Amino acid sequence: MLNCRNRLIFSILYGSGLRITECLRLRVQDINLEQGSMTVRNGKDNKDRVTILSHSLIPAIKAQIQTSLVLQKEDNKNQAGPSLPHMLGKKYPSAYKQPAWMYLFPSTTLCQHPYTGITCRHHLHDSVPRKALSKAVNKAGLFNKKIGCHTFRHSFATELLHSGRDIRTIQELLGHKDVTTTQIYTHVIGQHFAGTTSPLESLRFTNSEDITV
């Protein structure tokens, strides 16, 4: 069984199309519950993007945020907090106390910042959810399936294509630089035109004799 934290991680991967590292790097300020969106910072090619957030996950995300903020307050008592970009931490030395900078999925242990040497709390390491998923897959007996964290991102794309969503929109949500990368999914589901059907399909004929040349 997956714990609540890991279940939420995989739900975000599937519901928002994130890569596992993008998910684990999410901070409180990146979540917009009102608009049902989240901002991915420094994704592939160091680009930011905004993607959708399932409203069904809001209660779980709220609970996770509260858990993270309680941990941040405890860390603050010892002059520690979430790891920050080197220049930002240098310019705003007290930023680690601000809830906005806390990771949604913080590590269970403190560490030393690689550049500043300051004691801080990084985000959860990706080996944690990967191991949890591997155990769940084995327990489910899915030995003939190759299932990893990236599988959820693939499923996000194919499900949107199945539902007829515009491929350019999917490209933007996934953060693909080139639409040809997104088009790979149209071949996966056997629909080169992303589920687009002929307008003739919307017409209803009683029988083939009703069609005249």
Foldseek 3Di string as FASTA:
>chain_A
DDDLVLVLLLCCCQVQLDFSVQQQQFAQLQDDLVVQKGWRALDVVRDIAITGHDNVCVVSLVVLLVVQLVVLVVQVVVVEAEDDDPVVCVVPVCCRNDRRNTTSAWDPDWDADPPPRDIYIYTHDSVVSFVVVVVVCVVVVVPVDDDGSNVSSLNNLLVCLCVPDDLVVNCRSNVPPDSVVSQVSCVVVPHSRSNDDDPVVVDDDPDPVVDDD
